[in-house]
Amino acid sequence: MLSTRIGSVLLVTAFSVAALALAAGTADAAKKGGSSKRDAMISQCIAKAQAEAPIIVPGESGNRRVEIYKSCMVSAGMRP
């Protein structure tokens, strides 16, 4: 009877550990997928800002590039 209880406790523990490991793996995969999407959007927004304000004039075009980049990221639903 004691060995049955110990076996049951070990089985429940094993299932709990497996469930936690699966959840952690799924969360890591979601973070990586979101990161690559964000990286791609950052690259697109930087390219857009450079194309629309190609020459940097101190105090003028630099701010324009920042505004273009920010609006691009916000319109994509991401934090700049």
PDB file of N, CA and C in Angstrom:
ATOM      1  N   MET A   1       0.818  -1.189   0.000  1.00  0.00           N
ATOM      2  CA  MET A   1       0.000   0.000   0.000  1.00  0.00           C
ATOM      3  C   MET A   1       0.869   1.263   0.000  1.00  0.00           C
ATOM      4  N   LEU A   2       1.940   1.236   0.759  1.00  0.00           N
ATOM      5  CA  LEU A   2       2.837   2.380   0.816  1.00  0.00           C
ATOM      6  C   LEU A   2       3.504   2.609  -0.530  1.00  0.00           C
ATOM      7  N   SER A   3       3.900   1.535  -1.209  1.00  0.00           N
ATOM      8  CA  SER A   3       4.537   1.680  -2.519  1.00  0.00           C
ATOM      9  C   SER A   3       3.555   2.224  -3.559  1.00  0.00           C
ATOM     10  N   THR A   4       2.281   1.921  -3.426  1.00  0.00           N
ATOM     11  CA  THR A   4       1.269   2.449  -4.337  1.00  0.00           C
ATOM     12  C   THR A   4       1.124   3.962  -4.149  1.00  0.00           C
ATOM     13  N   ARG A   5       1.130   4.412  -2.907  1.00  0.00           N
ATOM     14  CA  ARG A   5       1.032   5.852  -2.636  1.00  0.00           C
ATOM     15  C   ARG A   5       2.261   6.580  -3.154  1.00  0.00           C
ATOM     16  N   ILE A   6       3.432   6.013  -2.917  1.00  0.00           N
ATOM     17  CA  ILE A   6       4.664   6.639  -3.389  1.00  0.00           C
ATOM     18  C   ILE A   6       4.667   6.700  -4.912  1.00  0.00           C
ATOM     19  N   GLY A   7       4.220   5.614  -5.542  1.00  0.00           N
ATOM     20  CA  GLY A   7       4.141   5.597  -7.004  1.00  0.00           C
ATOM     21  C   GLY A   7       3.178   6.643  -7.523  1.00  0.00           C
ATOM     22  N   SER A   8       2.049   6.797  -6.855  1.00  0.00           N
ATOM     23  CA  SER A   8       1.059   7.798  -7.270  1.00  0.00           C
ATOM     24  C   SER A   8       1.611   9.218  -7.123  1.00  0.00           C
ATOM     25  N   VAL A   9       2.290   9.469  -6.019  1.00  0.00           N
ATOM     26  CA  VAL A   9       2.873  10.791  -5.785  1.00  0.00           C
ATOM     27  C   VAL A   9       3.932  11.080  -6.840  1.00  0.00           C
ATOM     28  N   LEU A  10       4.770  10.107  -7.141  1.00  0.00           N
ATOM     29  CA  LEU A  10       5.800  10.298  -8.159  1.00  0.00           C
ATOM     30  C   LEU A  10       5.189  10.526  -9.532  1.00  0.00           C
ATOM     31  N   LEU A  11       4.140   9.820  -9.840  1.00  0.00           N
ATOM     32  CA  LEU A  11       3.468   9.972 -11.130  1.00  0.00           C
ATOM     33  C   LEU A  11       2.850  11.370 -11.269  1.00  0.00           C
ATOM     34  N   VAL A  12       2.185  11.817 -10.229  1.00  0.00           N
ATOM     35  CA  VAL A  12       1.586  13.151 -10.245  1.00  0.00           C
ATOM     36  C   VAL A  12       2.679  14.216 -10.370  1.00  0.00           C
ATOM     37  N   THR A  13       3.767  14.032  -9.656  1.00  0.00           N
ATOM     38  CA  THR A  13       4.882  14.975  -9.721  1.00  0.00           C
ATOM     39  C   THR A  13       5.478  15.014 -11.120  1.00  0.00           C
ATOM     40  N   ALA A  14       5.653  13.852 -11.720  1.00  0.00           N
ATOM     41  CA  ALA A  14       6.211  13.784 -13.076  1.00  0.00           C
ATOM     42  C   ALA A  14       5.302  14.504 -14.071  1.00  0.00           C
ATOM     43  N   PHE A  15       3.998  14.298 -13.963  1.00  0.00           N
ATOM     44  CA  PHE A  15       3.070  14.979 -14.869  1.00  0.00           C
ATOM     45  C   PHE A  15       3.096  16.495 -14.657  1.00  0.00           C
ATOM     46  N   SER A  16       3.227  16.913 -13.415  1.00  0.00           N
ATOM     47  CA  SER A  16       3.284  18.347 -13.131  1.00  0.00           C
ATOM     48  C   SER A  16       4.534  18.984 -13.732  1.00  0.00           C
ATOM     49  N   VAL A  17       5.658  18.319 -13.564  1.00  0.00           N
ATOM     50  CA  VAL A  17       6.910  18.831 -14.115  1.00  0.00           C
ATOM     51  C   VAL A  17       6.832  18.871 -15.637  1.00  0.00           C
ATOM     52  N   ALA A  18       6.277  17.841 -16.249  1.00  0.00           N
ATOM     53  CA  ALA A  18       6.147  17.812 -17.710  1.00  0.00           C
ATOM     54  C   ALA A  18       5.241  18.938 -18.203  1.00  0.00           C
ATOM     55  N   ALA A  19       4.159  19.200 -17.497  1.00  0.00           N
ATOM     56  CA  ALA A  19       3.240  20.271 -17.891  1.00  0.00           C
ATOM     57  C   ALA A  19       3.917  21.636 -17.787  1.00  0.00           C
ATOM     58  N   LEU A  20       4.684  21.850 -16.729  1.00  0.00           N
ATOM     59  CA  LEU A  20       5.402  23.122 -16.572  1.00  0.00           C
ATOM     60  C   LEU A  20       6.456  23.299 -17.658  1.00  0.00           C
ATOM     61  N   ALA A  21       7.155  22.223 -17.990  1.00  0.00           N
ATOM     62  CA  ALA A  21       8.175  22.302 -19.042  1.00  0.00           C
ATOM     63  C   ALA A  21       7.540  22.608 -20.391  1.00  0.00           C
ATOM     64  N   LEU A  22       6.402  21.992 -20.671  1.00  0.00           N
ATOM     65  CA  LEU A  22       5.699  22.247 -21.931  1.00  0.00           C
ATOM     66  C   LEU A  22       5.229  23.697 -22.004  1.00  0.00           C
ATOM     67  N   ALA A  23       4.696  24.212 -20.915  1.00  0.00           N
ATOM     68  CA  ALA A  23       4.224  25.601 -20.890  1.00  0.00           C
ATOM     69  C   ALA A  23       5.388  26.572 -21.076  1.00  0.00           C
ATOM     70  N   ALA A  24       6.512  26.292 -20.455  1.00  0.00           N
ATOM     71  CA  ALA A  24       7.677  27.168 -20.596  1.00  0.00           C
ATOM     72  C   ALA A  24       8.201  27.136 -22.026  1.00  0.00           C
ATOM     73  N   GLY A  25       8.217  25.984 -22.638  1.00  0.00           N
ATOM     74  CA  GLY A  25       8.673  25.870 -24.027  1.00  0.00           C
ATOM     75  C   GLY A  25       7.765  26.621 -24.979  1.00  0.00           C
ATOM     76  N   THR A  26       6.478  26.550 -24.754  1.00  0.00           N
ATOM     77  CA  THR A  26       5.513  27.263 -25.589  1.00  0.00           C
ATOM     78  C   THR A  26       5.677  28.770 -25.429  1.00  0.00           C
ATOM     79  N   ALA A  27       5.901  29.229 -24.205  1.00  0.00           N
ATOM     80  CA  ALA A  27       6.093  30.662 -23.964  1.00  0.00           C
ATOM     81  C   ALA A  27       7.368  31.159 -24.638  1.00  0.00           C
ATOM     82  N   ASP A  28       8.444  30.371 -24.583  1.00  0.00           N
ATOM     83  CA  ASP A  28       9.690  30.765 -25.240  1.00  0.00           C
ATOM     84  C   ASP A  28       9.510  30.853 -26.744  1.00  0.00           C
ATOM     85  N   ALA A  29       8.787  29.900 -27.319  1.00  0.00           N
ATOM     86  CA  ALA A  29       8.549  29.918 -28.769  1.00  0.00           C
ATOM     87  C   ALA A  29       7.731  31.145 -29.162  1.00  0.00           C
ATOM     88  N   ALA A  30       6.765  31.509 -28.343  1.00  0.00           N
ATOM     89  CA  ALA A  30       5.943  32.691 -28.637  1.00  0.00           C
ATOM     90  C   ALA A  30       6.783  33.959 -28.568  1.00  0.00           C
ATOM     91  N   LYS A  31       7.682  34.038 -27.597  1.00  0.00           N
ATOM     92  CA  LYS A  31       8.530  35.219 -27.485  1.00  0.00           C
ATOM     93  C   LYS A  31       9.451  35.342 -28.691  1.00  0.00           C
ATOM     94  N   LYS A  32      10.026  34.234 -29.121  1.00  0.00           N
ATOM     95  CA  LYS A  32      10.934  34.267 -30.262  1.00  0.00           C
ATOM     96  C   LYS A  32      10.198  34.666 -31.529  1.00  0.00           C
ATOM     97  N   GLY A  33       9.000  34.140 -31.727  1.00  0.00           N
ATOM     98  CA  GLY A  33       8.231  34.486 -32.912  1.00  0.00           C
ATOM     99  C   GLY A  33       7.864  35.960 -32.929  1.00  0.00           C
ATOM    100  N   GLY A  34       7.450  36.495 -31.784  1.00  0.00           N
ATOM    101  CA  GLY A  34       7.112  37.909 -31.694  1.00  0.00           C
ATOM    102  C   GLY A  34       8.315  38.794 -31.891  1.00  0.00           C
ATOM    103  N   SER A  35       9.443  38.360 -31.423  1.00  0.00           N
ATOM    104  CA  SER A  35      10.666  39.145 -31.553  1.00  0.00           C
ATOM    105  C   SER A  35      11.092  39.267 -33.004  1.00  0.00           C
ATOM    106  N   SER A  36      11.015  38.172 -33.758  1.00  0.00           N
ATOM    107  CA  SER A  36      11.424  38.244 -35.160  1.00  0.00           C
ATOM    108  C   SER A  36      10.457  39.117 -35.960  1.00  0.00           C
ATOM    109  N   LYS A  37       9.181  39.091 -35.590  1.00  0.00           N
ATOM    110  CA  LYS A  37       8.203  39.961 -36.259  1.00  0.00           C
ATOM    111  C   LYS A  37       8.516  41.423 -35.937  1.00  0.00           C
ATOM    112  N   ARG A  38       8.843  41.680 -34.677  1.00  0.00           N
ATOM    113  CA  ARG A  38       9.174  43.047 -34.271  1.00  0.00           C
ATOM    114  C   ARG A  38      10.454  43.506 -34.960  1.00  0.00           C
ATOM    115  N   ASP A  39      11.455  42.633 -35.037  1.00  0.00           N
ATOM    116  CA  ASP A  39      12.707  42.985 -35.705  1.00  0.00           C
ATOM    117  C   ASP A  39      12.471  43.333 -37.169  1.00  0.00           C
ATOM    118  N   ALA A  40      11.614  42.573 -37.818  1.00  0.00           N
ATOM    119  CA  ALA A  40      11.308  42.843 -39.224  1.00  0.00           C
ATOM    120  C   ALA A  40      10.609  44.192 -39.369  1.00  0.00           C
ATOM    121  N   MET A  41       9.686  44.483 -38.459  1.00  0.00           N
ATOM    122  CA  MET A  41       8.964  45.758 -38.524  1.00  0.00           C
ATOM    123  C   MET A  41       9.904  46.922 -38.240  1.00  0.00           C
ATOM    124  N   ILE A  42      10.839  46.750 -37.309  1.00  0.00           N
ATOM    125  CA  ILE A  42      11.817  47.804 -37.015  1.00  0.00           C
ATOM    126  C   ILE A  42      12.628  48.107 -38.270  1.00  0.00           C
ATOM    127  N   SER A  43      13.073  47.047 -38.953  1.00  0.00           N
ATOM    128  CA  SER A  43      13.856  47.237 -40.181  1.00  0.00           C
ATOM    129  C   SER A  43      13.051  47.974 -41.245  1.00  0.00           C
ATOM    130  N   GLN A  44      11.779  47.610 -41.404  1.00  0.00           N
ATOM    131  CA  GLN A  44      10.927  48.270 -42.399  1.00  0.00           C
ATOM    132  C   GLN A  44      10.718  49.740 -42.060  1.00  0.00           C
ATOM    133  N   CYS A  45      10.490  50.024 -40.783  1.00  0.00           N
ATOM    134  CA  CYS A  45      10.242  51.409 -40.380  1.00  0.00           C
ATOM    135  C   CYS A  45      11.500  52.258 -40.493  1.00  0.00           C
ATOM    136  N   ILE A  46      12.649  51.683 -40.202  1.00  0.00           N
ATOM    137  CA  ILE A  46      13.907  52.422 -40.372  1.00  0.00           C
ATOM    138  C   ILE A  46      14.122  52.739 -41.846  1.00  0.00           C
ATOM    139  N   ALA A  47      13.890  51.752 -42.709  1.00  0.00           N
ATOM    140  CA  ALA A  47      14.052  51.973 -44.150  1.00  0.00           C
ATOM    141  C   ALA A  47      13.094  53.051 -44.649  1.00  0.00           C
ATOM    142  N   LYS A  48      11.868  53.030 -44.144  1.00  0.00           N
ATOM    143  CA  LYS A  48      10.878  54.033 -44.543  1.00  0.00           C
ATOM    144  C   LYS A  48      11.325  55.422 -44.102  1.00  0.00           C
ATOM    145  N   ALA A  49      11.822  55.543 -42.874  1.00  0.00           N
ATOM    146  CA  ALA A  49      12.275  56.838 -42.365  1.00  0.00           C
ATOM    147  C   ALA A  49      13.472  57.347 -43.156  1.00  0.00           C
ATOM    148  N   GLN A  50      14.392  56.456 -43.500  1.00  0.00           N
ATOM    149  CA  GLN A  50      15.561  56.876 -44.278  1.00  0.00           C
ATOM    150  C   GLN A  50      15.175  57.285 -45.696  1.00  0.00           C
ATOM    151  N   ALA A  51      14.178  56.614 -46.262  1.00  0.00           N
ATOM    152  CA  ALA A  51      13.744  56.940 -47.623  1.00  0.00           C
ATOM    153  C   ALA A  51      13.007  58.280 -47.676  1.00  0.00           C
ATOM    154  N   GLU A  52      12.192  58.546 -46.669  1.00  0.00           N
ATOM    155  CA  GLU A  52      11.396  59.772 -46.672  1.00  0.00           C
ATOM    156  C   GLU A  52      12.179  60.995 -46.187  1.00  0.00           C
ATOM    157  N   ALA A  53      13.241  60.789 -45.433  1.00  0.00           N
ATOM    158  CA  ALA A  53      14.082  61.897 -44.971  1.00  0.00           C
ATOM    159  C   ALA A  53      15.542  61.483 -45.159  1.00  0.00           C
ATOM    160  N   PRO A  54      16.004  61.454 -46.435  1.00  0.00           N
ATOM    161  CA  PRO A  54      17.333  60.913 -46.718  1.00  0.00           C
ATOM    162  C   PRO A  54      18.511  61.757 -46.226  1.00  0.00           C
ATOM    163  N   ILE A  55      18.354  63.054 -46.151  1.00  0.00           N
ATOM    164  CA  ILE A  55      19.452  63.930 -45.750  1.00  0.00           C
ATOM    165  C   ILE A  55      19.187  64.426 -44.336  1.00  0.00           C
ATOM    166  N   ILE A  56      20.199  64.285 -43.491  1.00  0.00           N
ATOM    167  CA  ILE A  56      20.045  64.741 -42.107  1.00  0.00           C
ATOM    168  C   ILE A  56      20.607  66.150 -41.978  1.00  0.00           C
ATOM    169  N   VAL A  57      19.728  67.081 -41.671  1.00  0.00           N
ATOM    170  CA  VAL A  57      20.117  68.461 -41.380  1.00  0.00           C
ATOM    171  C   VAL A  57      19.970  68.601 -39.869  1.00  0.00           C
ATOM    172  N   PRO A  58      21.038  68.979 -39.175  1.00  0.00           N
ATOM    173  CA  PRO A  58      20.956  69.064 -37.716  1.00  0.00           C
ATOM    174  C   PRO A  58      19.751  69.871 -37.244  1.00  0.00           C
ATOM    175  N   GLY A  59      18.976  69.245 -36.361  1.00  0.00           N
ATOM    176  CA  GLY A  59      17.816  69.920 -35.792  1.00  0.00           C
ATOM    177  C   GLY A  59      16.570  69.863 -36.639  1.00  0.00           C
ATOM    178  N   GLU A  60      16.652  69.307 -37.839  1.00  0.00           N
ATOM    179  CA  GLU A  60      15.483  69.299 -38.719  1.00  0.00           C
ATOM    180  C   GLU A  60      15.160  67.881 -39.186  1.00  0.00           C
ATOM    181  N   SER A  61      15.966  67.321 -40.090  1.00  0.00           N
ATOM    182  CA  SER A  61      15.672  66.014 -40.667  1.00  0.00           C
ATOM    183  C   SER A  61      15.783  64.888 -39.661  1.00  0.00           C
ATOM    184  N   GLY A  62      16.669  65.027 -38.679  1.00  0.00           N
ATOM    185  CA  GLY A  62      16.800  63.985 -37.660  1.00  0.00           C
ATOM    186  C   GLY A  62      15.490  63.786 -36.921  1.00  0.00           C
ATOM    187  N   ASN A  63      14.857  64.897 -36.570  1.00  0.00           N
ATOM    188  CA  ASN A  63      13.563  64.815 -35.895  1.00  0.00           C
ATOM    189  C   ASN A  63      12.493  64.252 -36.822  1.00  0.00           C
ATOM    190  N   ARG A  64      12.567  64.584 -38.085  1.00  0.00           N
ATOM    191  CA  ARG A  64      11.597  64.069 -39.065  1.00  0.00           C
ATOM    192  C   ARG A  64      11.713  62.553 -39.165  1.00  0.00           C
ATOM    193  N   ARG A  65      12.942  62.041 -39.215  1.00  0.00           N
ATOM    194  CA  ARG A  65      13.134  60.588 -39.271  1.00  0.00           C
ATOM    195  C   ARG A  65      12.549  59.906 -38.044  1.00  0.00           C
ATOM    196  N   VAL A  66      12.766  60.495 -36.897  1.00  0.00           N
ATOM    197  CA  VAL A  66      12.238  59.916 -35.657  1.00  0.00           C
ATOM    198  C   VAL A  66      10.712  59.862 -35.706  1.00  0.00           C
ATOM    199  N   GLU A  67      10.104  60.945 -36.161  1.00  0.00           N
ATOM    200  CA  GLU A  67       8.645  60.990 -36.233  1.00  0.00           C
ATOM    201  C   GLU A  67       8.104  59.964 -37.235  1.00  0.00           C
ATOM    202  N   ILE A  68       8.768  59.814 -38.359  1.00  0.00           N
ATOM    203  CA  ILE A  68       8.340  58.827 -39.361  1.00  0.00           C
ATOM    204  C   ILE A  68       8.454  57.419 -38.784  1.00  0.00           C
ATOM    205  N   TYR A  69       9.578  57.142 -38.115  1.00  0.00           N
ATOM    206  CA  TYR A  69       9.787  55.828 -37.507  1.00  0.00           C
ATOM    207  C   TYR A  69       8.723  55.540 -36.451  1.00  0.00           C
ATOM    208  N   LYS A  70       8.486  56.514 -35.564  1.00  0.00           N
ATOM    209  CA  LYS A  70       7.492  56.321 -34.507  1.00  0.00           C
ATOM    210  C   LYS A  70       6.107  56.065 -35.080  1.00  0.00           C
ATOM    211  N   SER A  71       5.699  56.853 -36.051  1.00  0.00           N
ATOM    212  CA  SER A  71       4.357  56.677 -36.617  1.00  0.00           C
ATOM    213  C   SER A  71       4.233  55.339 -37.335  1.00  0.00           C
ATOM    214  N   CYS A  72       5.302  54.899 -37.970  1.00  0.00           N
ATOM    215  CA  CYS A  72       5.295  53.592 -38.646  1.00  0.00           C
ATOM    216  C   CYS A  72       5.097  52.465 -37.628  1.00  0.00           C
ATOM    217  N   MET A  73       5.833  52.526 -36.522  1.00  0.00           N
ATOM    218  CA  MET A  73       5.723  51.475 -35.501  1.00  0.00           C
ATOM    219  C   MET A  73       4.349  51.493 -34.833  1.00  0.00           C
ATOM    220  N   VAL A  74       3.847  52.679 -34.530  1.00  0.00           N
ATOM    221  CA  VAL A  74       2.534  52.783 -33.896  1.00  0.00           C
ATOM    222  C   VAL A  74       1.451  52.264 -34.840  1.00  0.00           C
ATOM    223  N   SER A  75       1.543  52.596 -36.118  1.00  0.00           N
ATOM    224  CA  SER A  75       0.534  52.113 -37.071  1.00  0.00           C
ATOM    225  C   SER A  75       0.598  50.594 -37.241  1.00  0.00           C
ATOM    226  N   ALA A  76       1.756  50.006 -36.958  1.00  0.00           N
ATOM    227  CA  ALA A  76       1.887  48.536 -36.997  1.00  0.00           C
ATOM    228  C   ALA A  76       1.414  47.904 -35.696  1.00  0.00           C
ATOM    229  N   GLY A  77       1.041  48.743 -34.723  1.00  0.00           N
ATOM    230  CA  GLY A  77       0.537  48.225 -33.446  1.00  0.00           C
ATOM    231  C   GLY A  77       1.643  47.839 -32.484  1.00  0.00           C
ATOM    232  N   MET A  78       2.812  48.420 -32.667  1.00  0.00           N
ATOM    233  CA  MET A  78       3.945  48.096 -31.790  1.00  0.00           C
ATOM    234  C   MET A  78       4.459  49.340 -31.105  1.00  0.00           C
ATOM    235  N   ARG A  79       5.171  49.115 -30.025  1.00  0.00           N
ATOM    236  CA  ARG A  79       5.804  50.195 -29.277  1.00  0.00           C
ATOM    237  C   ARG A  79       7.062  50.635 -30.022  1.00  0.00           C
ATOM    238  N   PRO A  80       7.245  51.953 -30.239  1.00  0.00           N
ATOM    239  CA  PRO A  80       8.434  52.429 -30.976  1.00  0.00           C
ATOM    240  C   PRO A  80       9.730  52.146 -30.243  1.00  0.00           C
TER     241      PRO A  80
END
